[in-house]
Amino acid sequence: MSAYLLILGEREAVAWVLRESRMAFPPTSRSEVNRLKVGDELFVLTTRGCWHNPTRDRTRVIGLATVTSPVVPYDEPVTIAGRDFTRGCDIRPHTLTPYLTGVELAPLVPRLVAFPDKNAWSIRLRRPLLELGESDAGLLTGELDGVALDPAELIPGYLSAIRPVRQTDARD
């Protein structure tokens, strides 16, 4: 079993993942996506730009899920916030933090092996998955234990709070 940060940089993607209990991946080939297997743990992370207010928001781990199916190609791409995703897998959320909360990542970076360059750590979040070692997974699990709850209690609140991004017309 492996553990990964599941990196979500768009609020509509958060809503889709929570509503569908699935993860979708872009068409680019990524070795970490190819290695993902049933039973792997996913620490769901939202970037500071995810909620469209980066001066207020921080990069946070908001929950923990398990991969429950292999990554497979979709018959038709899934479009989320204007981007196409061509393959994906099912997941089962175990824990979730209340909307706009979670475990802030920046203060933990000095203790996380997954970020060898502590000054440019956020560059490693420009991918869908970041593999974590056992010590990093243990640290994040411990941090989530104090703040995460049953996802069934919180997912409706996320879904009602997340609004689609307004698509601007070229004539606006």
N, C-alpha and C. Protein backbone atom coordinates (compact mmCIF):
# COMPACT_ATOMS: atom_id res chain seq x y z
N MET A 1 0.84 -1.19 0.00
CA MET A 1 0.00 0.00 0.00
C MET A 1 0.89 1.25 0.00
N SER A 2 0.52 2.22 -0.81
CA SER A 2 1.22 3.49 -0.89
C SER A 2 0.28 4.60 -0.44
N ALA A 3 0.86 5.76 -0.18
CA ALA A 3 0.08 6.94 0.20
C ALA A 3 0.49 8.10 -0.70
N TYR A 4 -0.50 8.93 -1.00
CA TYR A 4 -0.28 10.07 -1.90
C TYR A 4 -1.04 11.28 -1.39
N LEU A 5 -0.54 12.46 -1.74
CA LEU A 5 -1.36 13.66 -1.67
C LEU A 5 -2.17 13.67 -2.95
N LEU A 6 -3.47 13.80 -2.84
CA LEU A 6 -4.37 13.96 -3.98
C LEU A 6 -4.62 15.46 -4.09
N ILE A 7 -4.03 16.10 -5.08
CA ILE A 7 -3.94 17.55 -5.15
C ILE A 7 -5.07 18.11 -6.02
N LEU A 8 -5.91 18.92 -5.39
CA LEU A 8 -7.05 19.54 -6.06
C LEU A 8 -6.86 21.05 -6.04
N GLY A 9 -6.82 21.65 -7.23
CA GLY A 9 -6.58 23.08 -7.33
C GLY A 9 -7.78 23.87 -7.80
N GLU A 10 -8.95 23.26 -7.78
CA GLU A 10 -10.18 23.92 -8.26
C GLU A 10 -11.36 23.45 -7.43
N ARG A 11 -12.15 24.40 -6.93
CA ARG A 11 -13.27 24.05 -6.05
C ARG A 11 -14.30 23.15 -6.73
N GLU A 12 -14.52 23.34 -8.04
CA GLU A 12 -15.45 22.45 -8.74
C GLU A 12 -14.95 21.01 -8.75
N ALA A 13 -13.64 20.83 -8.79
CA ALA A 13 -13.07 19.48 -8.72
C ALA A 13 -13.32 18.87 -7.34
N VAL A 14 -13.21 19.68 -6.30
CA VAL A 14 -13.49 19.19 -4.94
C VAL A 14 -14.94 18.69 -4.88
N ALA A 15 -15.85 19.49 -5.39
CA ALA A 15 -17.27 19.09 -5.38
C ALA A 15 -17.48 17.80 -6.16
N TRP A 16 -16.87 17.70 -7.33
CA TRP A 16 -17.04 16.50 -8.16
C TRP A 16 -16.49 15.27 -7.44
N VAL A 17 -15.29 15.37 -6.89
CA VAL A 17 -14.67 14.24 -6.19
C VAL A 17 -15.54 13.80 -5.02
N LEU A 18 -16.04 14.74 -4.23
CA LEU A 18 -16.87 14.39 -3.07
C LEU A 18 -18.23 13.84 -3.49
N ARG A 19 -18.82 14.42 -4.51
CA ARG A 19 -20.14 13.98 -4.97
C ARG A 19 -20.08 12.59 -5.61
N GLU A 20 -19.04 12.35 -6.42
CA GLU A 20 -18.94 11.12 -7.20
C GLU A 20 -18.17 10.00 -6.51
N SER A 21 -17.42 10.32 -5.45
CA SER A 21 -16.50 9.36 -4.82
C SER A 21 -15.58 8.74 -5.88
N ARG A 22 -15.06 9.62 -6.72
CA ARG A 22 -14.13 9.22 -7.77
C ARG A 22 -13.06 10.30 -7.91
N MET A 23 -11.97 9.92 -8.52
CA MET A 23 -10.94 10.88 -8.90
C MET A 23 -10.75 10.77 -10.39
N ALA A 24 -10.59 11.91 -11.04
CA ALA A 24 -10.36 11.95 -12.49
C ALA A 24 -8.99 12.55 -12.73
N PHE A 25 -8.31 12.04 -13.76
CA PHE A 25 -6.96 12.49 -14.08
C PHE A 25 -6.91 13.04 -15.49
N PRO A 26 -6.05 14.06 -15.71
CA PRO A 26 -5.92 14.63 -17.05
C PRO A 26 -5.23 13.66 -18.01
N PRO A 27 -5.28 13.95 -19.30
CA PRO A 27 -4.73 13.02 -20.29
C PRO A 27 -3.21 12.87 -20.27
N THR A 28 -2.50 13.78 -19.65
CA THR A 28 -1.04 13.66 -19.62
C THR A 28 -0.63 12.42 -18.85
N SER A 29 0.40 11.76 -19.33
CA SER A 29 0.88 10.55 -18.66
C SER A 29 1.73 10.92 -17.45
N ARG A 30 1.35 10.40 -16.30
CA ARG A 30 2.08 10.65 -15.05
C ARG A 30 2.39 9.31 -14.42
N SER A 31 3.65 9.09 -14.07
CA SER A 31 4.05 7.80 -13.52
C SER A 31 3.33 7.49 -12.21
N GLU A 32 3.09 8.52 -11.38
CA GLU A 32 2.42 8.26 -10.10
C GLU A 32 0.97 7.83 -10.31
N VAL A 33 0.31 8.36 -11.32
CA VAL A 33 -1.05 7.93 -11.63
C VAL A 33 -1.03 6.49 -12.13
N ASN A 34 -0.06 6.16 -12.95
CA ASN A 34 0.06 4.79 -13.47
C ASN A 34 0.32 3.78 -12.36
N ARG A 35 0.97 4.19 -11.28
CA ARG A 35 1.28 3.27 -10.16
C ARG A 35 0.14 3.14 -9.16
N LEU A 36 -0.84 4.01 -9.21
CA LEU A 36 -1.93 4.00 -8.24
C LEU A 36 -2.68 2.67 -8.28
N LYS A 37 -2.97 2.11 -7.10
CA LYS A 37 -3.65 0.81 -7.06
C LYS A 37 -4.67 0.78 -5.93
N VAL A 38 -5.55 -0.20 -6.03
CA VAL A 38 -6.59 -0.40 -5.01
C VAL A 38 -5.92 -0.56 -3.64
N GLY A 39 -6.45 0.15 -2.67
CA GLY A 39 -5.92 0.09 -1.31
C GLY A 39 -5.00 1.24 -0.96
N ASP A 40 -4.52 1.97 -1.97
CA ASP A 40 -3.65 3.12 -1.69
C ASP A 40 -4.45 4.19 -0.95
N GLU A 41 -3.74 4.93 -0.09
CA GLU A 41 -4.37 6.01 0.67
C GLU A 41 -4.14 7.33 -0.05
N LEU A 42 -5.17 8.18 -0.04
CA LEU A 42 -5.10 9.50 -0.64
C LEU A 42 -5.40 10.55 0.41
N PHE A 43 -4.43 11.41 0.67
CA PHE A 43 -4.66 12.56 1.54
C PHE A 43 -5.13 13.69 0.63
N VAL A 44 -6.40 14.04 0.75
CA VAL A 44 -7.01 15.03 -0.14
C VAL A 44 -6.51 16.41 0.25
N LEU A 45 -5.90 17.09 -0.71
CA LEU A 45 -5.29 18.39 -0.47
C LEU A 45 -5.91 19.43 -1.39
N THR A 46 -6.24 20.59 -0.83
CA THR A 46 -6.71 21.72 -1.64
C THR A 46 -5.63 22.79 -1.62
N THR A 47 -5.30 23.31 -2.81
CA THR A 47 -4.28 24.35 -2.90
C THR A 47 -4.86 25.69 -2.46
N ARG A 48 -3.99 26.64 -2.23
CA ARG A 48 -4.49 27.95 -1.78
C ARG A 48 -5.30 28.65 -2.84
N GLY A 49 -5.15 28.30 -4.10
CA GLY A 49 -5.96 28.89 -5.17
C GLY A 49 -7.25 28.15 -5.44
N CYS A 50 -7.44 27.02 -4.79
CA CYS A 50 -8.60 26.16 -5.04
C CYS A 50 -9.93 26.88 -4.83
N TRP A 51 -10.01 27.72 -3.83
CA TRP A 51 -11.27 28.37 -3.46
C TRP A 51 -11.39 29.77 -4.05
N HIS A 52 -10.43 30.15 -4.93
CA HIS A 52 -10.45 31.43 -5.65
C HIS A 52 -10.25 32.64 -4.75
N ASN A 53 -9.61 32.43 -3.60
CA ASN A 53 -9.26 33.54 -2.71
C ASN A 53 -7.92 33.22 -2.05
N PRO A 54 -6.82 33.28 -2.82
CA PRO A 54 -5.53 32.86 -2.29
C PRO A 54 -4.96 33.76 -1.19
N THR A 55 -5.50 34.98 -1.03
CA THR A 55 -5.03 35.80 0.09
C THR A 55 -5.63 35.32 1.41
N ARG A 56 -6.79 34.70 1.36
CA ARG A 56 -7.44 34.17 2.56
C ARG A 56 -7.07 32.72 2.79
N ASP A 57 -7.08 31.94 1.74
CA ASP A 57 -6.98 30.49 1.87
C ASP A 57 -5.54 30.01 1.91
N ARG A 58 -5.37 28.83 2.47
CA ARG A 58 -4.07 28.17 2.56
C ARG A 58 -4.17 26.79 1.94
N THR A 59 -3.03 26.23 1.60
CA THR A 59 -2.97 24.86 1.13
C THR A 59 -3.21 23.96 2.33
N ARG A 60 -4.25 23.11 2.23
CA ARG A 60 -4.65 22.29 3.38
C ARG A 60 -4.96 20.86 2.98
N VAL A 61 -4.66 19.95 3.88
CA VAL A 61 -5.13 18.58 3.75
C VAL A 61 -6.51 18.55 4.38
N ILE A 62 -7.52 18.16 3.59
CA ILE A 62 -8.90 18.23 4.08
C ILE A 62 -9.52 16.87 4.35
N GLY A 63 -8.82 15.80 4.03
CA GLY A 63 -9.42 14.49 4.28
C GLY A 63 -8.53 13.34 3.86
N LEU A 64 -9.05 12.16 4.10
CA LEU A 64 -8.35 10.93 3.76
C LEU A 64 -9.32 9.99 3.07
N ALA A 65 -8.86 9.37 1.98
CA ALA A 65 -9.68 8.44 1.20
C ALA A 65 -8.82 7.25 0.80
N THR A 66 -9.50 6.18 0.38
CA THR A 66 -8.82 4.99 -0.12
C THR A 66 -9.25 4.74 -1.56
N VAL A 67 -8.30 4.33 -2.39
CA VAL A 67 -8.59 3.95 -3.77
C VAL A 67 -9.32 2.61 -3.75
N THR A 68 -10.47 2.52 -4.42
CA THR A 68 -11.27 1.29 -4.39
C THR A 68 -11.41 0.62 -5.76
N SER A 69 -10.82 1.21 -6.80
CA SER A 69 -10.84 0.58 -8.12
C SER A 69 -9.56 0.96 -8.85
N PRO A 70 -9.18 0.18 -9.85
CA PRO A 70 -8.01 0.58 -10.65
C PRO A 70 -8.30 1.85 -11.44
N VAL A 71 -7.25 2.54 -11.85
CA VAL A 71 -7.38 3.68 -12.75
C VAL A 71 -7.68 3.12 -14.14
N VAL A 72 -8.78 3.58 -14.73
CA VAL A 72 -9.19 3.10 -16.05
C VAL A 72 -9.51 4.29 -16.95
N PRO A 73 -9.35 4.11 -18.27
CA PRO A 73 -9.74 5.18 -19.20
C PRO A 73 -11.26 5.32 -19.24
N TYR A 74 -11.73 6.54 -19.40
CA TYR A 74 -13.17 6.79 -19.57
C TYR A 74 -13.54 6.62 -21.04
N ASP A 75 -14.76 6.14 -21.28
CA ASP A 75 -15.26 6.06 -22.65
C ASP A 75 -15.36 7.46 -23.26
N GLU A 76 -15.84 8.40 -22.46
CA GLU A 76 -15.93 9.80 -22.85
C GLU A 76 -15.24 10.63 -21.77
N PRO A 77 -14.47 11.65 -22.15
CA PRO A 77 -13.82 12.48 -21.12
C PRO A 77 -14.84 13.13 -20.19
N VAL A 78 -14.44 13.32 -18.96
CA VAL A 78 -15.23 14.05 -17.97
C VAL A 78 -14.70 15.48 -17.99
N THR A 79 -15.60 16.45 -18.06
CA THR A 79 -15.18 17.85 -18.06
C THR A 79 -15.54 18.47 -16.72
N ILE A 80 -14.54 19.05 -16.07
CA ILE A 80 -14.71 19.70 -14.78
C ILE A 80 -14.05 21.08 -14.88
N ALA A 81 -14.82 22.11 -14.64
CA ALA A 81 -14.34 23.49 -14.70
C ALA A 81 -13.60 23.77 -16.00
N GLY A 82 -14.14 23.26 -17.11
CA GLY A 82 -13.57 23.53 -18.42
C GLY A 82 -12.37 22.68 -18.81
N ARG A 83 -11.97 21.75 -17.97
CA ARG A 83 -10.83 20.86 -18.29
C ARG A 83 -11.33 19.44 -18.50
N ASP A 84 -10.73 18.74 -19.46
CA ASP A 84 -11.09 17.35 -19.74
C ASP A 84 -10.19 16.39 -18.97
N PHE A 85 -10.82 15.35 -18.46
CA PHE A 85 -10.13 14.29 -17.73
C PHE A 85 -10.49 12.97 -18.39
N THR A 86 -9.47 12.17 -18.71
CA THR A 86 -9.69 11.01 -19.57
C THR A 86 -9.63 9.66 -18.87
N ARG A 87 -9.28 9.66 -17.60
CA ARG A 87 -9.24 8.39 -16.85
C ARG A 87 -9.43 8.69 -15.38
N GLY A 88 -9.76 7.64 -14.63
CA GLY A 88 -9.99 7.87 -13.22
C GLY A 88 -10.18 6.58 -12.45
N CYS A 89 -10.47 6.74 -11.17
CA CYS A 89 -10.69 5.59 -10.28
C CYS A 89 -11.71 5.97 -9.23
N ASP A 90 -12.28 4.95 -8.61
CA ASP A 90 -13.21 5.16 -7.50
C ASP A 90 -12.42 5.31 -6.21
N ILE A 91 -12.96 6.11 -5.31
CA ILE A 91 -12.34 6.29 -3.99
C ILE A 91 -13.43 6.21 -2.92
N ARG A 92 -12.99 5.92 -1.69
CA ARG A 92 -13.91 5.93 -0.55
C ARG A 92 -13.35 6.88 0.49
N PRO A 93 -14.02 8.03 0.69
CA PRO A 93 -13.56 8.96 1.72
C PRO A 93 -13.77 8.37 3.12
N HIS A 94 -12.77 8.55 3.98
CA HIS A 94 -12.86 8.08 5.36
C HIS A 94 -13.08 9.22 6.34
N THR A 95 -12.39 10.32 6.08
CA THR A 95 -12.51 11.48 6.95
C THR A 95 -12.53 12.73 6.09
N LEU A 96 -13.08 13.80 6.65
CA LEU A 96 -13.15 15.09 5.97
C LEU A 96 -13.20 16.18 7.03
N THR A 97 -12.55 17.29 6.76
CA THR A 97 -12.61 18.42 7.68
C THR A 97 -13.74 19.35 7.25
N PRO A 98 -14.27 20.16 8.16
CA PRO A 98 -15.32 21.11 7.78
C PRO A 98 -14.85 22.04 6.65
N TYR A 99 -15.81 22.52 5.89
CA TYR A 99 -15.57 23.38 4.73
C TYR A 99 -14.62 24.53 5.09
N LEU A 100 -13.64 24.76 4.22
CA LEU A 100 -12.62 25.81 4.33
C LEU A 100 -11.72 25.66 5.56
N THR A 101 -11.63 24.44 6.08
CA THR A 101 -10.69 24.17 7.17
C THR A 101 -9.81 23.00 6.73
N GLY A 102 -9.00 22.54 7.63
CA GLY A 102 -8.13 21.40 7.36
C GLY A 102 -6.78 21.61 7.99
N VAL A 103 -5.88 20.72 7.69
CA VAL A 103 -4.52 20.78 8.22
C VAL A 103 -3.67 21.60 7.26
N GLU A 104 -3.22 22.77 7.72
CA GLU A 104 -2.41 23.62 6.86
C GLU A 104 -1.07 22.93 6.58
N LEU A 105 -0.71 22.88 5.31
CA LEU A 105 0.49 22.15 4.90
C LEU A 105 1.79 22.90 5.17
N ALA A 106 1.83 24.19 4.93
CA ALA A 106 3.08 24.95 5.02
C ALA A 106 3.84 24.74 6.34
N PRO A 107 3.17 24.78 7.50
CA PRO A 107 3.93 24.58 8.74
C PRO A 107 4.51 23.17 8.89
N LEU A 108 3.98 22.22 8.14
CA LEU A 108 4.46 20.83 8.22
C LEU A 108 5.59 20.54 7.22
N VAL A 109 5.77 21.38 6.22
CA VAL A 109 6.75 21.13 5.17
C VAL A 109 8.15 20.82 5.73
N PRO A 110 8.64 21.53 6.75
CA PRO A 110 9.97 21.19 7.25
C PRO A 110 10.09 19.75 7.77
N ARG A 111 8.97 19.13 8.12
CA ARG A 111 8.99 17.76 8.64
C ARG A 111 8.59 16.72 7.60
N LEU A 112 8.23 17.14 6.39
CA LEU A 112 7.76 16.22 5.35
C LEU A 112 8.88 15.91 4.36
N VAL A 113 9.22 14.64 4.24
CA VAL A 113 10.27 14.17 3.34
C VAL A 113 9.88 14.40 1.88
N ALA A 114 8.59 14.42 1.57
CA ALA A 114 8.12 14.59 0.19
C ALA A 114 8.51 15.95 -0.39
N PHE A 115 8.96 16.86 0.45
CA PHE A 115 9.34 18.20 0.00
C PHE A 115 10.81 18.44 0.32
N PRO A 116 11.72 17.93 -0.52
CA PRO A 116 13.15 18.07 -0.22
C PRO A 116 13.64 19.52 -0.29
N ASP A 117 13.05 20.33 -1.17
CA ASP A 117 13.43 21.74 -1.25
C ASP A 117 12.40 22.54 -0.46
N LYS A 118 12.75 22.85 0.76
CA LYS A 118 11.80 23.52 1.67
C LYS A 118 11.45 24.94 1.23
N ASN A 119 12.28 25.55 0.36
CA ASN A 119 12.00 26.91 -0.10
C ASN A 119 11.10 26.97 -1.33
N ALA A 120 11.03 25.87 -2.07
CA ALA A 120 10.22 25.84 -3.29
C ALA A 120 9.28 24.63 -3.27
N TRP A 121 8.72 24.35 -2.11
CA TRP A 121 7.92 23.14 -1.93
C TRP A 121 6.64 23.14 -2.76
N SER A 122 6.05 24.31 -2.95
CA SER A 122 4.74 24.35 -3.63
C SER A 122 4.83 23.93 -5.10
N ILE A 123 6.00 23.98 -5.70
CA ILE A 123 6.16 23.55 -7.10
C ILE A 123 5.79 22.07 -7.25
N ARG A 124 5.96 21.28 -6.19
CA ARG A 124 5.65 19.85 -6.24
C ARG A 124 4.15 19.58 -6.22
N LEU A 125 3.35 20.63 -6.05
CA LEU A 125 1.90 20.47 -6.02
C LEU A 125 1.26 20.72 -7.39
N ARG A 126 2.05 20.85 -8.41
CA ARG A 126 1.53 21.08 -9.77
C ARG A 126 1.40 19.77 -10.52
N ARG A 127 0.75 18.83 -9.89
CA ARG A 127 0.51 17.49 -10.43
C ARG A 127 -0.70 16.93 -9.70
N PRO A 128 -1.31 15.88 -10.20
CA PRO A 128 -2.49 15.36 -9.51
C PRO A 128 -2.18 14.56 -8.25
N LEU A 129 -1.01 13.92 -8.21
CA LEU A 129 -0.63 13.09 -7.06
C LEU A 129 0.82 13.34 -6.70
N LEU A 130 1.11 13.26 -5.41
CA LEU A 130 2.49 13.32 -4.92
C LEU A 130 2.65 12.18 -3.93
N GLU A 131 3.55 11.25 -4.26
CA GLU A 131 3.74 10.09 -3.40
C GLU A 131 4.35 10.51 -2.07
N LEU A 132 3.86 9.88 -1.00
CA LEU A 132 4.33 10.14 0.35
C LEU A 132 4.99 8.89 0.93
N GLY A 133 6.01 9.09 1.71
CA GLY A 133 6.61 7.99 2.44
C GLY A 133 5.79 7.67 3.69
N GLU A 134 6.16 6.59 4.35
CA GLU A 134 5.43 6.14 5.54
C GLU A 134 5.44 7.19 6.65
N SER A 135 6.56 7.86 6.85
CA SER A 135 6.63 8.86 7.92
C SER A 135 5.74 10.06 7.62
N ASP A 136 5.72 10.48 6.34
CA ASP A 136 4.85 11.61 5.96
C ASP A 136 3.38 11.23 6.13
N ALA A 137 3.01 10.03 5.70
CA ALA A 137 1.61 9.57 5.86
C ALA A 137 1.24 9.51 7.34
N GLY A 138 2.14 9.03 8.17
CA GLY A 138 1.87 8.98 9.61
C GLY A 138 1.68 10.35 10.22
N LEU A 139 2.51 11.30 9.81
CA LEU A 139 2.39 12.67 10.32
C LEU A 139 1.05 13.27 9.92
N LEU A 140 0.67 13.13 8.65
CA LEU A 140 -0.60 13.71 8.20
C LEU A 140 -1.79 13.02 8.84
N THR A 141 -1.72 11.71 9.03
CA THR A 141 -2.81 10.99 9.70
C THR A 141 -2.99 11.54 11.11
N GLY A 142 -1.89 11.71 11.82
CA GLY A 142 -1.96 12.25 13.19
C GLY A 142 -2.54 13.65 13.23
N GLU A 143 -2.17 14.47 12.27
CA GLU A 143 -2.70 15.84 12.22
C GLU A 143 -4.19 15.85 11.90
N LEU A 144 -4.63 14.97 11.01
CA LEU A 144 -6.05 14.91 10.65
C LEU A 144 -6.90 14.36 11.79
N ASP A 145 -6.34 13.47 12.59
CA ASP A 145 -7.11 12.84 13.67
C ASP A 145 -7.81 13.85 14.57
N GLY A 146 -7.22 14.99 14.79
CA GLY A 146 -7.81 15.96 15.69
C GLY A 146 -8.88 16.84 15.07
N VAL A 147 -8.98 16.86 13.74
CA VAL A 147 -9.88 17.83 13.11
C VAL A 147 -10.87 17.22 12.11
N ALA A 148 -10.64 16.00 11.67
CA ALA A 148 -11.49 15.41 10.63
C ALA A 148 -12.67 14.65 11.23
N LEU A 149 -13.76 14.63 10.49
CA LEU A 149 -14.99 14.00 10.92
C LEU A 149 -15.47 13.01 9.85
N ASP A 150 -16.63 12.44 10.08
CA ASP A 150 -17.25 11.52 9.13
C ASP A 150 -17.65 12.30 7.88
N PRO A 151 -17.18 11.89 6.69
CA PRO A 151 -17.51 12.63 5.47
C PRO A 151 -19.01 12.75 5.21
N ALA A 152 -19.78 11.74 5.59
CA ALA A 152 -21.23 11.78 5.35
C ALA A 152 -21.88 12.99 6.02
N GLU A 153 -21.30 13.44 7.13
CA GLU A 153 -21.84 14.61 7.83
C GLU A 153 -21.48 15.91 7.14
N LEU A 154 -20.36 15.93 6.42
CA LEU A 154 -19.84 17.19 5.90
C LEU A 154 -19.99 17.39 4.39
N ILE A 155 -20.08 16.31 3.63
CA ILE A 155 -20.16 16.45 2.17
C ILE A 155 -21.35 17.31 1.73
N PRO A 156 -22.55 17.16 2.31
CA PRO A 156 -23.65 18.05 1.88
C PRO A 156 -23.31 19.53 2.04
N GLY A 157 -22.61 19.89 3.09
CA GLY A 157 -22.22 21.29 3.29
C GLY A 157 -21.24 21.77 2.23
N TYR A 158 -20.28 20.93 1.88
CA TYR A 158 -19.36 21.27 0.80
C TYR A 158 -20.13 21.50 -0.50
N LEU A 159 -21.02 20.56 -0.83
CA LEU A 159 -21.72 20.64 -2.10
C LEU A 159 -22.65 21.85 -2.18
N SER A 160 -23.24 22.24 -1.07
CA SER A 160 -24.10 23.42 -1.10
C SER A 160 -23.30 24.73 -1.12
N ALA A 161 -22.08 24.71 -0.61
CA ALA A 161 -21.26 25.92 -0.56
C ALA A 161 -20.47 26.17 -1.84
N ILE A 162 -20.13 25.12 -2.57
CA ILE A 162 -19.30 25.27 -3.76
C ILE A 162 -20.17 25.63 -4.96
N ARG A 163 -19.88 26.78 -5.52
CA ARG A 163 -20.59 27.26 -6.69
C ARG A 163 -19.70 27.10 -7.92
N PRO A 164 -20.31 26.80 -9.07
CA PRO A 164 -19.50 26.71 -10.30
C PRO A 164 -18.81 28.04 -10.60
N VAL A 165 -17.68 27.95 -11.25
CA VAL A 165 -16.97 29.13 -11.70
C VAL A 165 -17.78 29.75 -12.83
N ARG A 166 -17.99 31.04 -12.78
CA ARG A 166 -18.76 31.72 -13.82
C ARG A 166 -17.95 31.73 -15.10
N GLN A 167 -18.56 31.21 -16.15
CA GLN A 167 -17.92 31.22 -17.47
C GLN A 167 -18.18 32.57 -18.11
N THR A 168 -17.13 33.29 -18.45
CA THR A 168 -17.31 34.60 -19.06
C THR A 168 -17.48 34.47 -20.56
N ASP A 169 -18.36 35.25 -21.06
CA ASP A 169 -18.62 35.30 -22.49
C ASP A 169 -17.60 36.28 -23.09
N ALA A 170 -17.11 35.98 -24.26
CA ALA A 170 -16.12 36.85 -24.91
C ALA A 170 -16.68 38.27 -25.14
N ARG A 171 -18.00 38.41 -25.15
CA ARG A 171 -18.62 39.72 -25.37
C ARG A 171 -18.73 40.53 -24.08
N ASP A 172 -18.46 39.91 -22.93
CA ASP A 172 -18.57 40.64 -21.64
C ASP A 172 -17.51 41.71 -21.51
